Amino acid sequence: MFLILLKYVRPLDQVEAHLAAHREYLRRRYADGSFLMSGRMEPRTGGVILARTSNREAAEAMMREDPFHTAGVAEYTLVEFHPTMTAPALAAFKVQ
């Protein structure tokens, strides 16, 4: 599992210019099963994505495809973790 933290590095109006493309990117990743959860930070300084990929290289490749990345409006921090405890509804994602 990976926690992807996005930090906006350009003014919000520049970020919003790429928001529709970013949301389409998110939809594709949800459809292929890579993304499990995402949303804006509060205050609105970036976003958070919970992702499931086979390895770090795959997660990094996914980040590079994000229109926010290609437009240079966000920086990314990637945190790999192994969920050993979960709420019952998320038990399928637990590492055995």
N, C-alpha and C. Protein backbone atom coordinates (compact mmCIF):
# COMPACT_ATOMS: atom_id res chain seq x y z
N MET A 1 0.84 -1.17 0.00
CA MET A 1 0.00 0.00 0.00
C MET A 1 0.89 1.23 0.00
N PHE A 2 0.33 2.28 -0.57
CA PHE A 2 1.05 3.54 -0.63
C PHE A 2 0.12 4.68 -0.29
N LEU A 3 0.63 5.58 0.49
CA LEU A 3 -0.04 6.84 0.75
C LEU A 3 0.67 7.87 -0.10
N ILE A 4 -0.07 8.51 -1.00
CA ILE A 4 0.51 9.51 -1.89
C ILE A 4 0.00 10.86 -1.42
N LEU A 5 0.93 11.72 -1.03
CA LEU A 5 0.59 13.06 -0.56
C LEU A 5 0.96 14.06 -1.64
N LEU A 6 0.00 14.85 -2.07
CA LEU A 6 0.23 15.89 -3.07
C LEU A 6 0.26 17.24 -2.36
N LYS A 7 1.25 18.05 -2.72
CA LYS A 7 1.34 19.41 -2.18
C LYS A 7 1.32 20.35 -3.38
N TYR A 8 0.36 21.28 -3.40
CA TYR A 8 0.30 22.24 -4.48
C TYR A 8 1.49 23.19 -4.39
N VAL A 9 2.14 23.41 -5.52
CA VAL A 9 3.30 24.30 -5.56
C VAL A 9 3.06 25.50 -6.48
N ARG A 10 1.85 25.62 -6.95
CA ARG A 10 1.43 26.76 -7.78
C ARG A 10 0.13 27.31 -7.19
N PRO A 11 -0.22 28.53 -7.55
CA PRO A 11 -1.48 29.10 -7.05
C PRO A 11 -2.68 28.23 -7.42
N LEU A 12 -3.70 28.32 -6.60
CA LEU A 12 -4.88 27.46 -6.75
C LEU A 12 -5.54 27.61 -8.12
N ASP A 13 -5.54 28.80 -8.70
CA ASP A 13 -6.14 28.96 -10.03
C ASP A 13 -5.40 28.14 -11.08
N GLN A 14 -4.09 27.99 -10.93
CA GLN A 14 -3.32 27.14 -11.85
C GLN A 14 -3.62 25.66 -11.61
N VAL A 15 -3.79 25.28 -10.36
CA VAL A 15 -4.16 23.90 -10.02
C VAL A 15 -5.52 23.58 -10.63
N GLU A 16 -6.48 24.47 -10.43
CA GLU A 16 -7.84 24.23 -10.92
C GLU A 16 -7.92 24.13 -12.44
N ALA A 17 -6.98 24.74 -13.14
CA ALA A 17 -6.96 24.63 -14.60
C ALA A 17 -6.73 23.19 -15.06
N HIS A 18 -6.19 22.36 -14.18
CA HIS A 18 -5.89 20.96 -14.51
C HIS A 18 -6.76 19.98 -13.73
N LEU A 19 -7.75 20.50 -13.02
CA LEU A 19 -8.57 19.66 -12.14
C LEU A 19 -9.40 18.63 -12.91
N ALA A 20 -9.99 19.00 -14.03
CA ALA A 20 -10.81 18.05 -14.80
C ALA A 20 -9.95 16.88 -15.29
N ALA A 21 -8.76 17.18 -15.79
CA ALA A 21 -7.86 16.11 -16.26
C ALA A 21 -7.39 15.25 -15.09
N HIS A 22 -7.13 15.87 -13.95
CA HIS A 22 -6.71 15.13 -12.76
C HIS A 22 -7.83 14.17 -12.31
N ARG A 23 -9.06 14.65 -12.32
CA ARG A 23 -10.18 13.79 -11.91
C ARG A 23 -10.38 12.63 -12.88
N GLU A 24 -10.18 12.86 -14.15
CA GLU A 24 -10.26 11.77 -15.13
C GLU A 24 -9.16 10.74 -14.87
N TYR A 25 -7.97 11.21 -14.56
CA TYR A 25 -6.86 10.33 -14.18
C TYR A 25 -7.25 9.49 -12.96
N LEU A 26 -7.84 10.13 -11.95
CA LEU A 26 -8.28 9.40 -10.76
C LEU A 26 -9.30 8.33 -11.14
N ARG A 27 -10.28 8.68 -11.98
CA ARG A 27 -11.30 7.71 -12.39
C ARG A 27 -10.68 6.48 -13.05
N ARG A 28 -9.69 6.70 -13.90
CA ARG A 28 -9.02 5.56 -14.57
C ARG A 28 -8.32 4.68 -13.55
N ARG A 29 -7.69 5.28 -12.57
CA ARG A 29 -6.98 4.50 -11.56
C ARG A 29 -7.94 3.77 -10.62
N TYR A 30 -9.08 4.37 -10.32
CA TYR A 30 -10.10 3.64 -9.56
C TYR A 30 -10.61 2.46 -10.37
N ALA A 31 -10.83 2.67 -11.66
CA ALA A 31 -11.36 1.61 -12.52
C ALA A 31 -10.41 0.44 -12.62
N ASP A 32 -9.10 0.69 -12.62
CA ASP A 32 -8.15 -0.42 -12.73
C ASP A 32 -7.79 -1.01 -11.36
N GLY A 33 -8.38 -0.48 -10.28
CA GLY A 33 -8.17 -1.03 -8.94
C GLY A 33 -6.96 -0.50 -8.21
N SER A 34 -6.24 0.45 -8.80
CA SER A 34 -5.02 0.97 -8.17
C SER A 34 -5.31 1.92 -7.01
N PHE A 35 -6.36 2.74 -7.14
CA PHE A 35 -6.67 3.70 -6.09
C PHE A 35 -7.86 3.22 -5.28
N LEU A 36 -7.76 3.40 -3.96
CA LEU A 36 -8.80 2.97 -3.04
C LEU A 36 -9.56 4.14 -2.43
N MET A 37 -8.89 5.29 -2.33
CA MET A 37 -9.47 6.43 -1.65
C MET A 37 -8.66 7.67 -2.03
N SER A 38 -9.32 8.82 -2.13
CA SER A 38 -8.60 10.06 -2.40
C SER A 38 -9.43 11.24 -1.95
N GLY A 39 -8.77 12.38 -1.78
CA GLY A 39 -9.48 13.59 -1.42
C GLY A 39 -8.55 14.76 -1.17
N ARG A 40 -9.16 15.93 -1.05
CA ARG A 40 -8.41 17.16 -0.79
C ARG A 40 -7.94 17.22 0.65
N MET A 41 -6.83 17.90 0.85
CA MET A 41 -6.40 18.24 2.21
C MET A 41 -7.22 19.45 2.66
N GLU A 42 -7.33 19.62 3.95
CA GLU A 42 -7.99 20.79 4.52
C GLU A 42 -7.03 21.42 5.50
N PRO A 43 -6.58 22.65 5.32
CA PRO A 43 -6.95 23.55 4.23
C PRO A 43 -6.48 23.02 2.87
N ARG A 44 -7.00 23.59 1.83
CA ARG A 44 -6.78 23.09 0.47
C ARG A 44 -5.37 23.44 -0.03
N THR A 45 -4.43 22.64 0.43
CA THR A 45 -3.03 22.83 0.04
C THR A 45 -2.50 21.66 -0.76
N GLY A 46 -3.35 20.66 -1.00
CA GLY A 46 -2.93 19.47 -1.72
C GLY A 46 -3.98 18.39 -1.59
N GLY A 47 -3.55 17.16 -1.73
CA GLY A 47 -4.46 16.04 -1.66
C GLY A 47 -3.79 14.78 -1.14
N VAL A 48 -4.61 13.75 -0.93
CA VAL A 48 -4.14 12.47 -0.41
C VAL A 48 -4.77 11.36 -1.25
N ILE A 49 -3.97 10.37 -1.60
CA ILE A 49 -4.45 9.20 -2.34
C ILE A 49 -3.97 7.95 -1.62
N LEU A 50 -4.85 7.01 -1.40
CA LEU A 50 -4.48 5.70 -0.89
C LEU A 50 -4.45 4.76 -2.09
N ALA A 51 -3.29 4.19 -2.36
CA ALA A 51 -3.10 3.39 -3.57
C ALA A 51 -2.61 1.99 -3.22
N ARG A 52 -2.95 1.08 -4.13
CA ARG A 52 -2.50 -0.31 -4.00
C ARG A 52 -1.79 -0.65 -5.30
N THR A 53 -0.49 -0.91 -5.23
CA THR A 53 0.29 -1.31 -6.40
C THR A 53 1.23 -2.44 -6.03
N SER A 54 1.84 -3.02 -7.03
CA SER A 54 2.73 -4.16 -6.80
C SER A 54 4.06 -3.76 -6.19
N ASN A 55 4.51 -2.53 -6.45
CA ASN A 55 5.81 -2.11 -5.93
C ASN A 55 5.97 -0.59 -6.02
N ARG A 56 7.02 -0.09 -5.45
CA ARG A 56 7.28 1.35 -5.41
C ARG A 56 7.44 1.94 -6.81
N GLU A 57 8.12 1.22 -7.69
CA GLU A 57 8.33 1.72 -9.05
C GLU A 57 7.00 1.94 -9.76
N ALA A 58 6.06 1.03 -9.57
CA ALA A 58 4.73 1.18 -10.17
C ALA A 58 4.02 2.39 -9.59
N ALA A 59 4.14 2.61 -8.30
CA ALA A 59 3.51 3.77 -7.66
C ALA A 59 4.12 5.07 -8.19
N GLU A 60 5.44 5.09 -8.34
CA GLU A 60 6.11 6.28 -8.87
C GLU A 60 5.68 6.54 -10.31
N ALA A 61 5.55 5.49 -11.10
CA ALA A 61 5.11 5.64 -12.49
C ALA A 61 3.69 6.21 -12.54
N MET A 62 2.82 5.77 -11.65
CA MET A 62 1.46 6.29 -11.59
C MET A 62 1.46 7.78 -11.25
N MET A 63 2.31 8.19 -10.33
CA MET A 63 2.38 9.60 -9.96
C MET A 63 2.81 10.45 -11.15
N ARG A 64 3.75 9.95 -11.93
CA ARG A 64 4.24 10.71 -13.08
C ARG A 64 3.17 10.89 -14.16
N GLU A 65 2.14 10.04 -14.16
CA GLU A 65 1.05 10.16 -15.14
C GLU A 65 0.00 11.19 -14.75
N ASP A 66 0.00 11.60 -13.50
CA ASP A 66 -1.02 12.54 -13.02
C ASP A 66 -0.86 13.88 -13.74
N PRO A 67 -1.94 14.41 -14.31
CA PRO A 67 -1.86 15.72 -14.95
C PRO A 67 -1.33 16.83 -14.02
N PHE A 68 -1.57 16.73 -12.72
CA PHE A 68 -0.99 17.71 -11.80
C PHE A 68 0.53 17.64 -11.84
N HIS A 69 1.08 16.44 -12.01
CA HIS A 69 2.53 16.28 -12.09
C HIS A 69 3.05 16.82 -13.41
N THR A 70 2.43 16.40 -14.52
CA THR A 70 2.93 16.83 -15.83
C THR A 70 2.82 18.34 -16.01
N ALA A 71 1.84 18.97 -15.35
CA ALA A 71 1.68 20.42 -15.43
C ALA A 71 2.58 21.16 -14.43
N GLY A 72 3.20 20.41 -13.51
CA GLY A 72 4.09 21.03 -12.54
C GLY A 72 3.38 21.83 -11.46
N VAL A 73 2.14 21.48 -11.15
CA VAL A 73 1.40 22.23 -10.13
C VAL A 73 1.42 21.55 -8.76
N ALA A 74 1.96 20.34 -8.69
CA ALA A 74 2.00 19.63 -7.41
C ALA A 74 3.30 18.85 -7.28
N GLU A 75 3.74 18.70 -6.03
CA GLU A 75 4.86 17.83 -5.69
C GLU A 75 4.28 16.64 -4.94
N TYR A 76 4.98 15.52 -4.96
CA TYR A 76 4.46 14.27 -4.41
C TYR A 76 5.40 13.70 -3.37
N THR A 77 4.80 13.17 -2.32
CA THR A 77 5.52 12.37 -1.33
C THR A 77 4.86 11.00 -1.31
N LEU A 78 5.66 9.98 -1.42
CA LEU A 78 5.17 8.61 -1.47
C LEU A 78 5.59 7.89 -0.19
N VAL A 79 4.59 7.36 0.53
CA VAL A 79 4.84 6.63 1.78
C VAL A 79 4.36 5.20 1.58
N GLU A 80 5.29 4.26 1.63
CA GLU A 80 4.91 2.85 1.53
C GLU A 80 4.63 2.32 2.93
N PHE A 81 3.57 1.54 3.06
CA PHE A 81 3.28 0.94 4.36
C PHE A 81 2.62 -0.42 4.15
N HIS A 82 2.65 -1.21 5.20
CA HIS A 82 2.07 -2.55 5.18
C HIS A 82 0.98 -2.61 6.25
N PRO A 83 -0.28 -2.53 5.84
CA PRO A 83 -1.36 -2.51 6.82
C PRO A 83 -1.47 -3.85 7.57
N THR A 84 -1.18 -3.81 8.85
CA THR A 84 -1.25 -5.03 9.66
C THR A 84 -2.50 -5.08 10.52
N MET A 85 -3.16 -3.93 10.66
CA MET A 85 -4.45 -3.87 11.36
C MET A 85 -5.39 -3.01 10.52
N THR A 86 -6.65 -3.41 10.50
CA THR A 86 -7.66 -2.67 9.75
C THR A 86 -9.00 -2.73 10.45
N ALA A 87 -9.88 -1.83 10.06
CA ALA A 87 -11.28 -1.96 10.45
C ALA A 87 -11.83 -3.18 9.73
N PRO A 88 -12.86 -3.81 10.25
CA PRO A 88 -13.41 -5.01 9.61
C PRO A 88 -13.74 -4.81 8.12
N ALA A 89 -14.25 -3.65 7.76
CA ALA A 89 -14.64 -3.41 6.36
C ALA A 89 -13.43 -3.38 5.42
N LEU A 90 -12.24 -3.21 5.98
CA LEU A 90 -11.02 -3.13 5.16
C LEU A 90 -10.11 -4.33 5.32
N ALA A 91 -10.60 -5.38 5.90
CA ALA A 91 -9.78 -6.56 6.20
C ALA A 91 -9.13 -7.16 4.97
N ALA A 92 -9.72 -7.03 3.80
CA ALA A 92 -9.13 -7.60 2.59
C ALA A 92 -7.80 -6.96 2.23
N PHE A 93 -7.49 -5.78 2.78
CA PHE A 93 -6.26 -5.09 2.46
C PHE A 93 -5.14 -5.33 3.46
N LYS A 94 -5.43 -6.09 4.50
CA LYS A 94 -4.45 -6.36 5.55
C LYS A 94 -3.37 -7.29 5.05
N VAL A 95 -2.13 -7.01 5.45
CA VAL A 95 -1.01 -7.88 5.15
C VAL A 95 -1.01 -9.02 6.16
N GLN A 96 -0.91 -10.22 5.68
CA GLN A 96 -0.92 -11.39 6.56
C GLN A 96 0.46 -11.69 7.09
